[in-house]
Amino acid sequence: MRKKSIVKQLREDANLTQSQLAVAIGVATTTISRWEQLGNKGTEPAMTASEWMRFCRAVGIQWSDVPKYFIYQTSELLEHAS
């Protein structure tokens, strides 16, 4: 089973559509889609620092908590790979 990307999981947890998140961050909906697809492959999205800050505000998490989500995702991917 494929894991959801962190971006997608946090977006869904915040009950936002890709379009709503795109407006909140100030990017195109296709950009949100690309970030989510990259996350499905275990690759960190290429967001600028200001995009990360706006993303965090939009989904209701603290900027300082972002690394925890990626550490968790990485450990999950490693468990399933072995």
PDB file of N, CA and C in Angstrom:
ATOM      1  N   MET A   1       0.834  -1.179   0.000  1.00  0.00           N
ATOM      2  CA  MET A   1       0.000   0.000   0.000  1.00  0.00           C
ATOM      3  C   MET A   1       0.884   1.250   0.000  1.00  0.00           C
ATOM      4  N   ARG A   2       0.553   2.207  -0.838  1.00  0.00           N
ATOM      5  CA  ARG A   2       1.322   3.436  -0.957  1.00  0.00           C
ATOM      6  C   ARG A   2       0.897   4.416   0.138  1.00  0.00           C
ATOM      7  N   LYS A   3       1.856   5.025   0.786  1.00  0.00           N
ATOM      8  CA  LYS A   3       1.586   6.035   1.810  1.00  0.00           C
ATOM      9  C   LYS A   3       1.250   7.358   1.148  1.00  0.00           C
ATOM     10  N   LYS A   4       0.414   8.137   1.821  1.00  0.00           N
ATOM     11  CA  LYS A   4       0.124   9.492   1.346  1.00  0.00           C
ATOM     12  C   LYS A   4       1.320  10.378   1.640  1.00  0.00           C
ATOM     13  N   SER A   5       1.497  11.372   0.802  1.00  0.00           N
ATOM     14  CA  SER A   5       2.551  12.341   1.072  1.00  0.00           C
ATOM     15  C   SER A   5       2.171  13.151   2.306  1.00  0.00           C
ATOM     16  N   ILE A   6       3.177  13.705   2.963  1.00  0.00           N
ATOM     17  CA  ILE A   6       2.931  14.548   4.132  1.00  0.00           C
ATOM     18  C   ILE A   6       2.085  15.750   3.729  1.00  0.00           C
ATOM     19  N   VAL A   7       2.382  16.341   2.589  1.00  0.00           N
ATOM     20  CA  VAL A   7       1.617  17.499   2.130  1.00  0.00           C
ATOM     21  C   VAL A   7       0.147  17.127   1.967  1.00  0.00           C
ATOM     22  N   LYS A   8      -0.117  16.000   1.329  1.00  0.00           N
ATOM     23  CA  LYS A   8      -1.504  15.577   1.123  1.00  0.00           C
ATOM     24  C   LYS A   8      -2.175  15.248   2.447  1.00  0.00           C
ATOM     25  N   GLN A   9      -1.484  14.528   3.310  1.00  0.00           N
ATOM     26  CA  GLN A   9      -2.068  14.156   4.595  1.00  0.00           C
ATOM     27  C   GLN A   9      -2.441  15.386   5.421  1.00  0.00           C
ATOM     28  N   LEU A  10      -1.524  16.343   5.503  1.00  0.00           N
ATOM     29  CA  LEU A  10      -1.806  17.554   6.276  1.00  0.00           C
ATOM     30  C   LEU A  10      -2.910  18.382   5.632  1.00  0.00           C
ATOM     31  N   ARG A  11      -2.929  18.435   4.312  1.00  0.00           N
ATOM     32  CA  ARG A  11      -3.995  19.159   3.608  1.00  0.00           C
ATOM     33  C   ARG A  11      -5.344  18.529   3.909  1.00  0.00           C
ATOM     34  N   GLU A  12      -5.425  17.210   3.814  1.00  0.00           N
ATOM     35  CA  GLU A  12      -6.683  16.522   4.085  1.00  0.00           C
ATOM     36  C   GLU A  12      -7.086  16.652   5.546  1.00  0.00           C
ATOM     37  N   ASP A  13      -6.116  16.572   6.453  1.00  0.00           N
ATOM     38  CA  ASP A  13      -6.419  16.745   7.881  1.00  0.00           C
ATOM     39  C   ASP A  13      -7.005  18.122   8.164  1.00  0.00           C
ATOM     40  N   ALA A  14      -6.592  19.108   7.371  1.00  0.00           N
ATOM     41  CA  ALA A  14      -7.105  20.472   7.528  1.00  0.00           C
ATOM     42  C   ALA A  14      -8.399  20.696   6.739  1.00  0.00           C
ATOM     43  N   ASN A  15      -8.916  19.629   6.107  1.00  0.00           N
ATOM     44  CA  ASN A  15     -10.148  19.699   5.314  1.00  0.00           C
ATOM     45  C   ASN A  15     -10.064  20.743   4.200  1.00  0.00           C
ATOM     46  N   LEU A  16      -8.921  20.781   3.525  1.00  0.00           N
ATOM     47  CA  LEU A  16      -8.723  21.701   2.413  1.00  0.00           C
ATOM     48  C   LEU A  16      -8.625  20.923   1.107  1.00  0.00           C
ATOM     49  N   THR A  17      -9.174  21.498   0.060  1.00  0.00           N
ATOM     50  CA  THR A  17      -8.962  20.942  -1.276  1.00  0.00           C
ATOM     51  C   THR A  17      -7.607  21.448  -1.777  1.00  0.00           C
ATOM     52  N   GLN A  18      -7.134  20.853  -2.848  1.00  0.00           N
ATOM     53  CA  GLN A  18      -5.898  21.355  -3.452  1.00  0.00           C
ATOM     54  C   GLN A  18      -6.071  22.811  -3.865  1.00  0.00           C
ATOM     55  N   SER A  19      -7.229  23.155  -4.400  1.00  0.00           N
ATOM     56  CA  SER A  19      -7.486  24.532  -4.836  1.00  0.00           C
ATOM     57  C   SER A  19      -7.471  25.506  -3.670  1.00  0.00           C
ATOM     58  N   GLN A  20      -8.093  25.133  -2.563  1.00  0.00           N
ATOM     59  CA  GLN A  20      -8.106  26.007  -1.392  1.00  0.00           C
ATOM     60  C   GLN A  20      -6.702  26.217  -0.846  1.00  0.00           C
ATOM     61  N   LEU A  21      -5.929  25.139  -0.783  1.00  0.00           N
ATOM     62  CA  LEU A  21      -4.565  25.260  -0.291  1.00  0.00           C
ATOM     63  C   LEU A  21      -3.721  26.110  -1.232  1.00  0.00           C
ATOM     64  N   ALA A  22      -3.907  25.921  -2.526  1.00  0.00           N
ATOM     65  CA  ALA A  22      -3.156  26.701  -3.510  1.00  0.00           C
ATOM     66  C   ALA A  22      -3.407  28.194  -3.330  1.00  0.00           C
ATOM     67  N   VAL A  23      -4.661  28.570  -3.131  1.00  0.00           N
ATOM     68  CA  VAL A  23      -4.999  29.978  -2.920  1.00  0.00           C
ATOM     69  C   VAL A  23      -4.352  30.491  -1.637  1.00  0.00           C
ATOM     70  N   ALA A  24      -4.414  29.692  -0.567  1.00  0.00           N
ATOM     71  CA  ALA A  24      -3.848  30.108   0.717  1.00  0.00           C
ATOM     72  C   ALA A  24      -2.333  30.319   0.645  1.00  0.00           C
ATOM     73  N   ILE A  25      -1.668  29.501  -0.160  1.00  0.00           N
ATOM     74  CA  ILE A  25      -0.209  29.583  -0.265  1.00  0.00           C
ATOM     75  C   ILE A  25       0.213  30.572  -1.351  1.00  0.00           C
ATOM     76  N   GLY A  26      -0.638  30.743  -2.348  1.00  0.00           N
ATOM     77  CA  GLY A  26      -0.309  31.633  -3.444  1.00  0.00           C
ATOM     78  C   GLY A  26       0.423  30.941  -4.581  1.00  0.00           C
ATOM     79  N   VAL A  27       0.043  29.672  -4.828  1.00  0.00           N
ATOM     80  CA  VAL A  27       0.634  28.906  -5.928  1.00  0.00           C
ATOM     81  C   VAL A  27      -0.495  28.304  -6.755  1.00  0.00           C
ATOM     82  N   ALA A  28      -0.145  27.720  -7.884  1.00  0.00           N
ATOM     83  CA  ALA A  28      -1.138  27.062  -8.739  1.00  0.00           C
ATOM     84  C   ALA A  28      -1.550  25.717  -8.140  1.00  0.00           C
ATOM     85  N   THR A  29      -2.763  25.294  -8.456  1.00  0.00           N
ATOM     86  CA  THR A  29      -3.247  23.983  -8.010  1.00  0.00           C
ATOM     87  C   THR A  29      -2.333  22.873  -8.525  1.00  0.00           C
ATOM     88  N   THR A  30      -1.805  23.042  -9.724  1.00  0.00           N
ATOM     89  CA  THR A  30      -0.894  22.032 -10.276  1.00  0.00           C
ATOM     90  C   THR A  30       0.376  21.914  -9.445  1.00  0.00           C
ATOM     91  N   THR A  31       0.773  22.997  -8.804  1.00  0.00           N
ATOM     92  CA  THR A  31       1.953  22.949  -7.923  1.00  0.00           C
ATOM     93  C   THR A  31       1.665  22.086  -6.703  1.00  0.00           C
ATOM     94  N   ILE A  32       0.488  22.246  -6.117  1.00  0.00           N
ATOM     95  CA  ILE A  32       0.103  21.416  -4.963  1.00  0.00           C
ATOM     96  C   ILE A  32       0.091  19.957  -5.386  1.00  0.00           C
ATOM     97  N   SER A  33      -0.480  19.672  -6.530  1.00  0.00           N
ATOM     98  CA  SER A  33      -0.531  18.301  -7.040  1.00  0.00           C
ATOM     99  C   SER A  33       0.882  17.733  -7.200  1.00  0.00           C
ATOM    100  N   ARG A  34       1.785  18.517  -7.758  1.00  0.00           N
ATOM    101  CA  ARG A  34       3.171  18.053  -7.951  1.00  0.00           C
ATOM    102  C   ARG A  34       3.849  17.788  -6.607  1.00  0.00           C
ATOM    103  N   TRP A  35       3.655  18.680  -5.639  1.00  0.00           N
ATOM    104  CA  TRP A  35       4.246  18.471  -4.311  1.00  0.00           C
ATOM    105  C   TRP A  35       3.727  17.182  -3.689  1.00  0.00           C
ATOM    106  N   GLU A  36       2.435  16.927  -3.847  1.00  0.00           N
ATOM    107  CA  GLU A  36       1.860  15.699  -3.279  1.00  0.00           C
ATOM    108  C   GLU A  36       2.400  14.465  -3.988  1.00  0.00           C
ATOM    109  N   GLN A  37       2.562  14.529  -5.293  1.00  0.00           N
ATOM    110  CA  GLN A  37       3.099  13.387  -6.036  1.00  0.00           C
ATOM    111  C   GLN A  37       4.550  13.119  -5.651  1.00  0.00           C
ATOM    112  N   LEU A  38       5.337  14.172  -5.478  1.00  0.00           N
ATOM    113  CA  LEU A  38       6.727  13.992  -5.046  1.00  0.00           C
ATOM    114  C   LEU A  38       6.778  13.332  -3.675  1.00  0.00           C
ATOM    115  N   GLY A  39       5.898  13.759  -2.791  1.00  0.00           N
ATOM    116  CA  GLY A  39       5.854  13.188  -1.448  1.00  0.00           C
ATOM    117  C   GLY A  39       5.507  11.717  -1.451  1.00  0.00           C
ATOM    118  N   ASN A  40       4.686  11.283  -2.409  1.00  0.00           N
ATOM    119  CA  ASN A  40       4.351   9.861  -2.523  1.00  0.00           C
ATOM    120  C   ASN A  40       5.588   9.032  -2.842  1.00  0.00           C
ATOM    121  N   LYS A  41       6.588   9.660  -3.440  1.00  0.00           N
ATOM    122  CA  LYS A  41       7.826   8.969  -3.799  1.00  0.00           C
ATOM    123  C   LYS A  41       8.899   9.136  -2.726  1.00  0.00           C
ATOM    124  N   GLY A  42       8.533   9.762  -1.604  1.00  0.00           N
ATOM    125  CA  GLY A  42       9.491   9.963  -0.520  1.00  0.00           C
ATOM    126  C   GLY A  42      10.423  11.139  -0.736  1.00  0.00           C
ATOM    127  N   THR A  43      10.069  12.029  -1.662  1.00  0.00           N
ATOM    128  CA  THR A  43      10.887  13.191  -1.956  1.00  0.00           C
ATOM    129  C   THR A  43      10.262  14.427  -1.340  1.00  0.00           C
ATOM    130  N   GLU A  44      11.062  15.229  -0.698  1.00  0.00           N
ATOM    131  CA  GLU A  44      10.567  16.460  -0.088  1.00  0.00           C
ATOM    132  C   GLU A  44      10.168  17.453  -1.173  1.00  0.00           C
ATOM    133  N   PRO A  45       8.990  18.093  -1.030  1.00  0.00           N
ATOM    134  CA  PRO A  45       8.587  19.083  -2.019  1.00  0.00           C
ATOM    135  C   PRO A  45       9.550  20.268  -2.052  1.00  0.00           C
ATOM    136  N   ALA A  46       9.741  20.837  -3.215  1.00  0.00           N
ATOM    137  CA  ALA A  46      10.656  21.968  -3.384  1.00  0.00           C
ATOM    138  C   ALA A  46       9.916  23.272  -3.124  1.00  0.00           C
ATOM    139  N   MET A  47       9.596  23.517  -1.858  1.00  0.00           N
ATOM    140  CA  MET A  47       8.929  24.757  -1.464  1.00  0.00           C
ATOM    141  C   MET A  47       9.965  25.752  -0.984  1.00  0.00           C
ATOM    142  N   THR A  48       9.674  27.022  -1.201  1.00  0.00           N
ATOM    143  CA  THR A  48      10.515  28.058  -0.610  1.00  0.00           C
ATOM    144  C   THR A  48      10.167  28.157   0.872  1.00  0.00           C
ATOM    145  N   ALA A  49      11.006  28.826   1.627  1.00  0.00           N
ATOM    146  CA  ALA A  49      10.732  28.994   3.059  1.00  0.00           C
ATOM    147  C   ALA A  49       9.403  29.715   3.272  1.00  0.00           C
ATOM    148  N   SER A  50       9.118  30.737   2.466  1.00  0.00           N
ATOM    149  CA  SER A  50       7.852  31.461   2.642  1.00  0.00           C
ATOM    150  C   SER A  50       6.655  30.585   2.272  1.00  0.00           C
ATOM    151  N   GLU A  51       6.814  29.714   1.273  1.00  0.00           N
ATOM    152  CA  GLU A  51       5.732  28.777   0.939  1.00  0.00           C
ATOM    153  C   GLU A  51       5.501  27.798   2.079  1.00  0.00           C
ATOM    154  N   TRP A  52       6.572  27.304   2.693  1.00  0.00           N
ATOM    155  CA  TRP A  52       6.433  26.410   3.854  1.00  0.00           C
ATOM    156  C   TRP A  52       5.702  27.113   4.986  1.00  0.00           C
ATOM    157  N   MET A  53       6.047  28.378   5.238  1.00  0.00           N
ATOM    158  CA  MET A  53       5.401  29.125   6.326  1.00  0.00           C
ATOM    159  C   MET A  53       3.904  29.292   6.037  1.00  0.00           C
ATOM    160  N   ARG A  54       3.559  29.650   4.799  1.00  0.00           N
ATOM    161  CA  ARG A  54       2.147  29.808   4.433  1.00  0.00           C
ATOM    162  C   ARG A  54       1.428  28.454   4.472  1.00  0.00           C
ATOM    163  N   PHE A  55       2.121  27.396   4.037  1.00  0.00           N
ATOM    164  CA  PHE A  55       1.548  26.052   4.105  1.00  0.00           C
ATOM    165  C   PHE A  55       1.218  25.694   5.555  1.00  0.00           C
ATOM    166  N   CYS A  56       2.158  25.922   6.441  1.00  0.00           N
ATOM    167  CA  CYS A  56       1.942  25.601   7.858  1.00  0.00           C
ATOM    168  C   CYS A  56       0.745  26.362   8.428  1.00  0.00           C
ATOM    169  N   ARG A  57       0.663  27.647   8.122  1.00  0.00           N
ATOM    170  CA  ARG A  57      -0.488  28.438   8.591  1.00  0.00           C
ATOM    171  C   ARG A  57      -1.793  27.872   8.032  1.00  0.00           C
ATOM    172  N   ALA A  58      -1.791  27.535   6.752  1.00  0.00           N
ATOM    173  CA  ALA A  58      -3.015  27.044   6.106  1.00  0.00           C
ATOM    174  C   ALA A  58      -3.501  25.723   6.692  1.00  0.00           C
ATOM    175  N   VAL A  59      -2.564  24.838   7.046  1.00  0.00           N
ATOM    176  CA  VAL A  59      -2.966  23.519   7.559  1.00  0.00           C
ATOM    177  C   VAL A  59      -2.971  23.459   9.084  1.00  0.00           C
ATOM    178  N   GLY A  60      -2.577  24.554   9.725  1.00  0.00           N
ATOM    179  CA  GLY A  60      -2.694  24.636  11.182  1.00  0.00           C
ATOM    180  C   GLY A  60      -1.609  23.937  11.972  1.00  0.00           C
ATOM    181  N   ILE A  61      -0.390  23.912  11.432  1.00  0.00           N
ATOM    182  CA  ILE A  61       0.728  23.352  12.200  1.00  0.00           C
ATOM    183  C   ILE A  61       1.799  24.416  12.381  1.00  0.00           C
ATOM    184  N   GLN A  62       2.687  24.173  13.302  1.00  0.00           N
ATOM    185  CA  GLN A  62       3.807  25.073  13.551  1.00  0.00           C
ATOM    186  C   GLN A  62       4.942  24.763  12.589  1.00  0.00           C
ATOM    187  N   TRP A  63       5.628  25.798  12.145  1.00  0.00           N
ATOM    188  CA  TRP A  63       6.796  25.648  11.268  1.00  0.00           C
ATOM    189  C   TRP A  63       7.813  24.695  11.902  1.00  0.00           C
ATOM    190  N   SER A  64       7.998  24.805  13.198  1.00  0.00           N
ATOM    191  CA  SER A  64       8.989  23.977  13.897  1.00  0.00           C
ATOM    192  C   SER A  64       8.618  22.500  13.925  1.00  0.00           C
ATOM    193  N   ASP A  65       7.366  22.169  13.643  1.00  0.00           N
ATOM    194  CA  ASP A  65       6.927  20.771  13.646  1.00  0.00           C
ATOM    195  C   ASP A  65       7.139  20.062  12.313  1.00  0.00           C
ATOM    196  N   VAL A  66       7.431  20.808  11.251  1.00  0.00           N
ATOM    197  CA  VAL A  66       7.576  20.212   9.920  1.00  0.00           C
ATOM    198  C   VAL A  66       8.591  19.073   9.895  1.00  0.00           C
ATOM    199  N   PRO A  67       9.792  19.236  10.467  1.00  0.00           N
ATOM    200  CA  PRO A  67      10.754  18.117  10.402  1.00  0.00           C
ATOM    201  C   PRO A  67      10.226  16.819  11.013  1.00  0.00           C
ATOM    202  N   LYS A  68       9.412  16.908  12.044  1.00  0.00           N
ATOM    203  CA  LYS A  68       8.859  15.699  12.679  1.00  0.00           C
ATOM    204  C   LYS A  68       8.026  14.888  11.695  1.00  0.00           C
ATOM    205  N   TYR A  69       7.264  15.571  10.864  1.00  0.00           N
ATOM    206  CA  TYR A  69       6.432  14.872   9.886  1.00  0.00           C
ATOM    207  C   TYR A  69       7.289  14.127   8.872  1.00  0.00           C
ATOM    208  N   PHE A  70       8.393  14.742   8.440  1.00  0.00           N
ATOM    209  CA  PHE A  70       9.255  14.088   7.464  1.00  0.00           C
ATOM    210  C   PHE A  70      10.067  12.960   8.097  1.00  0.00           C
ATOM    211  N   ILE A  71      10.460  13.113   9.343  1.00  0.00           N
ATOM    212  CA  ILE A  71      11.165  12.032  10.039  1.00  0.00           C
ATOM    213  C   ILE A  71      10.233  10.827  10.164  1.00  0.00           C
ATOM    214  N   TYR A  72       8.981  11.064  10.516  1.00  0.00           N
ATOM    215  CA  TYR A  72       8.015   9.982  10.650  1.00  0.00           C
ATOM    216  C   TYR A  72       7.798   9.300   9.305  1.00  0.00           C
ATOM    217  N   GLN A  73       7.612  10.088   8.233  1.00  0.00           N
ATOM    218  CA  GLN A  73       7.389   9.509   6.920  1.00  0.00           C
ATOM    219  C   GLN A  73       8.587   8.686   6.477  1.00  0.00           C
ATOM    220  N   THR A  74       9.795   9.190   6.689  1.00  0.00           N
ATOM    221  CA  THR A  74      11.006   8.477   6.297  1.00  0.00           C
ATOM    222  C   THR A  74      11.114   7.152   7.047  1.00  0.00           C
ATOM    223  N   SER A  75      10.828   7.156   8.344  1.00  0.00           N
ATOM    224  CA  SER A  75      10.915   5.916   9.113  1.00  0.00           C
ATOM    225  C   SER A  75       9.861   4.914   8.648  1.00  0.00           C
ATOM    226  N   GLU A  76       8.679   5.385   8.278  1.00  0.00           N
ATOM    227  CA  GLU A  76       7.639   4.511   7.751  1.00  0.00           C
ATOM    228  C   GLU A  76       8.077   3.883   6.415  1.00  0.00           C
ATOM    229  N   LEU A  77       8.666   4.698   5.543  1.00  0.00           N
ATOM    230  CA  LEU A  77       9.128   4.186   4.257  1.00  0.00           C
ATOM    231  C   LEU A  77      10.223   3.137   4.442  1.00  0.00           C
ATOM    232  N   LEU A  78      11.124   3.382   5.379  1.00  0.00           N
ATOM    233  CA  LEU A  78      12.205   2.421   5.630  1.00  0.00           C
ATOM    234  C   LEU A  78      11.674   1.106   6.187  1.00  0.00           C
ATOM    235  N   GLU A  79      10.676   1.188   7.058  1.00  0.00           N
ATOM    236  CA  GLU A  79      10.090  -0.039   7.623  1.00  0.00           C
ATOM    237  C   GLU A  79       9.463  -0.892   6.526  1.00  0.00           C
ATOM    238  N   HIS A  80       8.772  -0.248   5.603  1.00  0.00           N
ATOM    239  CA  HIS A  80       8.096  -0.998   4.549  1.00  0.00           C
ATOM    240  C   HIS A  80       9.047  -1.503   3.500  1.00  0.00           C
ATOM    241  N   ALA A  81      10.221  -0.910   3.403  1.00  0.00           N
ATOM    242  CA  ALA A  81      11.203  -1.325   2.400  1.00  0.00           C
ATOM    243  C   ALA A  81      11.961  -2.566   2.861  1.00  0.00           C
ATOM    244  N   SER A  82      12.017  -2.790   4.167  1.00  0.00           N
ATOM    245  CA  SER A  82      12.799  -3.945   4.648  1.00  0.00           C
ATOM    246  C   SER A  82      11.984  -5.194   4.795  1.00  0.00           C
TER     247      SER A  82
END
